[in-house]
Structure formats: structure tokens, C-alpha cells
């Protein structure tokens, strides 16, 4: 089962857990399953059907250009990353 790493600002929704094993074949399925177990995560990660503008997802160490459509395997590591911006 893929291991999903939760960024610190969202760990309050997961009871303080920094990582979780979550079923899913795509990032979208993982988010749906996360939200079933930990309500509120979907709203913090998605805006409509896309990742929020300040959130990126990395699958197996690579930032995904496909976002929620990115495929994951049972052995994947999925990281949700908050984008840092400024000047």
C-alpha cells in the first residue's frame, strides 16, 4: 500500500500522524481515501478537481506534472508539499 507523507500544517487532521498507508492507484484515489479516514483533508488539498495552487505532489521522489492524475504503485511514497514563494 502506498505510504503518504502529510505536511506538518495538515497533521492536525490526522491526529498528528506524519505518514499513513493509504490505498489508491492514483493521487486522486489516495486523496479520496484519505478524506474518508480523515475528513477535511480533501478540502485542504484540492480546489475543485485540482490540487490547490500552493500544493504540489511528489511520487517516488519526483514532483508530478500530472497532479491528481499521477499513477502510484503499492510501493510508492507520496508527499504533499506546500509551495514556498516570496521575494
N, C-alpha and C. Protein backbone atom coordinates (compact mmCIF):
# COMPACT_ATOMS: atom_id res chain seq x y z
N UNK A 1 0.85 -1.18 0.00
CA UNK A 1 0.00 0.00 0.00
C UNK A 1 0.90 1.25 0.00
N UNK A 2 0.58 2.26 -0.80
CA UNK A 2 1.40 3.47 -0.83
C UNK A 2 1.48 4.13 0.56
N UNK A 3 2.63 4.71 0.83
CA UNK A 3 2.81 5.49 2.06
C UNK A 3 2.69 6.96 1.68
N UNK A 4 1.82 7.66 2.41
CA UNK A 4 1.56 9.06 2.14
C UNK A 4 2.11 9.88 3.30
N UNK A 5 2.92 10.88 2.95
CA UNK A 5 3.51 11.78 3.94
C UNK A 5 2.70 13.06 3.99
N UNK A 6 2.27 13.41 5.19
CA UNK A 6 1.39 14.55 5.42
C UNK A 6 2.23 15.74 5.89
N UNK A 7 2.07 16.91 5.25
CA UNK A 7 2.85 18.08 5.69
C UNK A 7 2.42 18.52 7.09
N UNK A 8 3.34 19.06 7.87
CA UNK A 8 3.03 19.47 9.25
C UNK A 8 1.76 20.30 9.42
N UNK A 9 1.46 21.28 8.54
CA UNK A 9 0.24 22.06 8.76
C UNK A 9 -1.05 21.24 8.68
N UNK A 10 -1.00 20.05 8.07
CA UNK A 10 -2.21 19.22 7.94
C UNK A 10 -2.24 18.07 8.93
N UNK A 11 -1.19 17.89 9.69
CA UNK A 11 -1.13 16.76 10.62
C UNK A 11 -2.15 16.85 11.74
N UNK A 12 -2.68 18.03 12.00
CA UNK A 12 -3.75 18.15 12.99
C UNK A 12 -5.00 17.40 12.57
N UNK A 13 -5.18 17.24 11.27
CA UNK A 13 -6.34 16.50 10.75
C UNK A 13 -6.14 14.99 10.81
N UNK A 14 -4.89 14.55 10.98
CA UNK A 14 -4.59 13.11 11.01
C UNK A 14 -4.19 12.64 12.40
N UNK A 15 -4.57 13.39 13.40
CA UNK A 15 -4.23 13.01 14.76
C UNK A 15 -2.74 13.10 15.04
N UNK A 16 -2.05 13.98 14.30
CA UNK A 16 -0.62 14.15 14.50
C UNK A 16 0.25 13.21 13.69
N UNK A 17 -0.36 12.35 12.91
CA UNK A 17 0.42 11.39 12.12
C UNK A 17 1.08 12.08 10.92
N UNK A 18 2.36 11.80 10.75
CA UNK A 18 3.13 12.38 9.65
C UNK A 18 3.10 11.51 8.40
N UNK A 19 2.81 10.22 8.57
CA UNK A 19 2.70 9.33 7.42
C UNK A 19 1.59 8.31 7.66
N UNK A 20 0.99 7.90 6.55
CA UNK A 20 -0.13 6.97 6.60
C UNK A 20 -0.05 6.03 5.41
N UNK A 21 -0.48 4.80 5.58
CA UNK A 21 -0.62 3.89 4.44
C UNK A 21 -2.04 4.04 3.93
N UNK A 22 -2.16 4.33 2.62
CA UNK A 22 -3.46 4.63 2.03
C UNK A 22 -3.57 3.92 0.69
N UNK A 23 -4.66 3.22 0.48
CA UNK A 23 -4.89 2.56 -0.81
C UNK A 23 -5.20 3.58 -1.89
N UNK A 24 -4.82 3.23 -3.12
CA UNK A 24 -5.15 4.05 -4.27
C UNK A 24 -4.18 3.82 -5.40
N UNK A 25 -4.69 3.90 -6.61
CA UNK A 25 -3.87 3.73 -7.80
C UNK A 25 -3.48 5.04 -8.45
N UNK A 26 -4.12 6.13 -8.01
CA UNK A 26 -3.77 7.48 -8.48
C UNK A 26 -3.76 8.41 -7.27
N UNK A 27 -3.18 9.57 -7.46
CA UNK A 27 -3.18 10.56 -6.38
C UNK A 27 -4.62 10.93 -6.02
N UNK A 28 -5.50 11.05 -7.01
CA UNK A 28 -6.91 11.37 -6.72
C UNK A 28 -7.55 10.32 -5.81
N UNK A 29 -7.32 9.03 -6.12
CA UNK A 29 -7.88 7.96 -5.28
C UNK A 29 -7.31 8.01 -3.87
N UNK A 30 -6.03 8.32 -3.76
CA UNK A 30 -5.41 8.44 -2.43
C UNK A 30 -6.06 9.57 -1.65
N UNK A 31 -6.28 10.71 -2.29
CA UNK A 31 -6.92 11.84 -1.60
C UNK A 31 -8.34 11.47 -1.17
N UNK A 32 -9.09 10.80 -2.03
CA UNK A 32 -10.45 10.38 -1.66
C UNK A 32 -10.41 9.44 -0.46
N UNK A 33 -9.49 8.49 -0.45
CA UNK A 33 -9.39 7.55 0.66
C UNK A 33 -8.87 8.22 1.93
N UNK A 34 -7.96 9.17 1.78
CA UNK A 34 -7.52 9.95 2.94
C UNK A 34 -8.70 10.68 3.58
N UNK A 35 -9.53 11.29 2.73
CA UNK A 35 -10.65 12.07 3.24
C UNK A 35 -11.71 11.20 3.92
N UNK A 36 -11.87 9.97 3.46
CA UNK A 36 -12.80 9.06 4.13
C UNK A 36 -12.32 8.75 5.56
N UNK A 37 -11.02 8.54 5.69
CA UNK A 37 -10.46 8.21 7.00
C UNK A 37 -10.23 9.44 7.87
N UNK A 38 -9.87 10.55 7.23
CA UNK A 38 -9.51 11.78 7.94
C UNK A 38 -10.25 12.94 7.28
N UNK A 39 -11.55 13.11 7.59
CA UNK A 39 -12.35 14.15 6.94
C UNK A 39 -11.71 15.53 7.04
N UNK A 40 -11.78 16.24 5.92
CA UNK A 40 -11.23 17.59 5.85
C UNK A 40 -9.96 17.68 5.04
N UNK A 41 -9.26 16.56 4.88
CA UNK A 41 -8.01 16.60 4.12
C UNK A 41 -8.23 16.96 2.66
N UNK A 42 -9.27 16.41 2.07
CA UNK A 42 -9.54 16.69 0.66
C UNK A 42 -9.72 18.18 0.43
N UNK A 43 -10.48 18.84 1.29
CA UNK A 43 -10.72 20.28 1.14
C UNK A 43 -9.43 21.09 1.28
N UNK A 44 -8.50 20.59 2.07
CA UNK A 44 -7.23 21.31 2.25
C UNK A 44 -6.25 21.06 1.12
N UNK A 45 -6.42 19.94 0.40
CA UNK A 45 -5.51 19.59 -0.69
C UNK A 45 -6.02 19.99 -2.07
N UNK A 46 -7.34 19.95 -2.24
CA UNK A 46 -7.92 20.20 -3.56
C UNK A 46 -8.72 21.48 -3.61
N UNK A 47 -8.72 22.08 -4.78
CA UNK A 47 -9.60 23.20 -5.11
C UNK A 47 -10.36 22.72 -6.34
N UNK A 48 -11.62 22.34 -6.13
CA UNK A 48 -12.37 21.70 -7.21
C UNK A 48 -11.78 20.32 -7.46
N UNK A 49 -11.36 20.06 -8.68
CA UNK A 49 -10.80 18.77 -9.04
C UNK A 49 -9.27 18.79 -9.15
N UNK A 50 -8.64 19.91 -8.78
CA UNK A 50 -7.19 20.05 -8.93
C UNK A 50 -6.55 20.31 -7.58
N UNK A 51 -5.26 20.05 -7.52
CA UNK A 51 -4.52 20.41 -6.32
C UNK A 51 -4.57 21.92 -6.13
N UNK A 52 -4.66 22.36 -4.89
CA UNK A 52 -4.64 23.79 -4.61
C UNK A 52 -3.35 24.38 -5.17
N UNK A 53 -3.37 25.66 -5.49
CA UNK A 53 -2.24 26.30 -6.16
C UNK A 53 -0.96 26.28 -5.33
N UNK A 54 -1.06 26.15 -4.02
CA UNK A 54 0.12 26.14 -3.17
C UNK A 54 0.56 24.73 -2.77
N UNK A 55 -0.04 23.71 -3.37
CA UNK A 55 0.27 22.31 -3.05
C UNK A 55 0.84 21.62 -4.29
N UNK A 56 1.91 20.89 -4.11
CA UNK A 56 2.46 20.02 -5.15
C UNK A 56 2.46 18.60 -4.58
N UNK A 57 2.52 17.62 -5.46
CA UNK A 57 2.62 16.24 -5.02
C UNK A 57 3.85 15.62 -5.67
N UNK A 58 4.61 14.91 -4.85
CA UNK A 58 5.77 14.17 -5.33
C UNK A 58 5.48 12.69 -5.15
N UNK A 59 5.70 11.93 -6.21
CA UNK A 59 5.51 10.48 -6.16
C UNK A 59 6.87 9.85 -6.43
N UNK A 60 7.31 9.06 -5.49
CA UNK A 60 8.60 8.37 -5.59
C UNK A 60 9.74 9.35 -5.88
N UNK A 61 9.72 10.48 -5.17
CA UNK A 61 10.81 11.44 -5.25
C UNK A 61 10.77 12.40 -6.42
N UNK A 62 9.68 12.38 -7.20
CA UNK A 62 9.60 13.25 -8.38
C UNK A 62 8.32 14.09 -8.30
N UNK A 63 8.49 15.41 -8.40
CA UNK A 63 7.31 16.29 -8.41
C UNK A 63 6.50 15.96 -9.66
N UNK A 64 5.23 15.73 -9.48
CA UNK A 64 4.36 15.32 -10.57
C UNK A 64 3.83 16.50 -11.36
N UNK A 65 3.92 16.41 -12.66
CA UNK A 65 3.28 17.40 -13.54
C UNK A 65 1.81 17.04 -13.76
N UNK A 66 1.44 15.80 -13.45
CA UNK A 66 0.06 15.34 -13.67
C UNK A 66 -0.86 15.59 -12.49
N UNK A 67 -0.31 15.95 -11.34
CA UNK A 67 -1.14 16.22 -10.17
C UNK A 67 -1.97 15.03 -9.76
N UNK A 68 -3.28 15.21 -9.65
CA UNK A 68 -4.16 14.15 -9.15
C UNK A 68 -4.26 12.96 -10.10
N UNK A 69 -3.85 13.12 -11.33
CA UNK A 69 -3.90 12.03 -12.31
C UNK A 69 -2.68 11.11 -12.23
N UNK A 70 -1.67 11.51 -11.47
CA UNK A 70 -0.45 10.71 -11.37
C UNK A 70 -0.75 9.33 -10.81
N UNK A 71 -0.22 8.31 -11.47
CA UNK A 71 -0.38 6.92 -11.02
C UNK A 71 0.59 6.63 -9.89
N UNK A 72 0.17 5.77 -8.99
CA UNK A 72 1.02 5.32 -7.89
C UNK A 72 0.95 3.81 -7.81
N UNK A 73 2.02 3.22 -7.33
CA UNK A 73 2.04 1.77 -7.14
C UNK A 73 1.89 1.45 -5.66
N UNK A 74 1.75 0.18 -5.37
CA UNK A 74 1.61 -0.25 -3.98
C UNK A 74 2.85 0.09 -3.15
N UNK A 75 4.00 0.22 -3.81
CA UNK A 75 5.24 0.52 -3.11
C UNK A 75 5.62 2.00 -3.15
N UNK A 76 4.74 2.85 -3.68
CA UNK A 76 5.06 4.27 -3.85
C UNK A 76 5.10 5.02 -2.53
N UNK A 77 5.88 6.12 -2.55
CA UNK A 77 5.86 7.11 -1.50
C UNK A 77 5.27 8.38 -2.11
N UNK A 78 4.28 8.93 -1.43
CA UNK A 78 3.58 10.12 -1.92
C UNK A 78 3.76 11.22 -0.88
N UNK A 79 4.29 12.37 -1.35
CA UNK A 79 4.50 13.51 -0.47
C UNK A 79 3.67 14.69 -0.97
N UNK A 80 2.88 15.27 -0.10
CA UNK A 80 2.20 16.53 -0.41
C UNK A 80 3.09 17.64 0.14
N UNK A 81 3.43 18.59 -0.73
CA UNK A 81 4.41 19.61 -0.41
C UNK A 81 3.78 20.98 -0.58
N UNK A 82 3.93 21.82 0.42
CA UNK A 82 3.46 23.20 0.32
C UNK A 82 4.52 24.00 -0.42
N UNK A 83 4.08 24.77 -1.42
CA UNK A 83 4.97 25.60 -2.22
C UNK A 83 5.34 26.83 -1.40
N UNK A 84 6.62 27.14 -1.40
CA UNK A 84 7.11 28.31 -0.71
C UNK A 84 7.36 29.38 -1.78
N UNK A 85 6.81 30.54 -1.55
CA UNK A 85 7.04 31.62 -2.51
C UNK A 85 7.37 32.90 -1.76
N UNK A 86 7.83 33.84 -2.46
CA UNK A 86 8.17 35.11 -1.83
C UNK A 86 9.18 35.85 -2.68
N UNK A 87 9.64 36.92 -2.17
CA UNK A 87 10.59 37.67 -2.95
C UNK A 87 11.56 38.41 -2.11
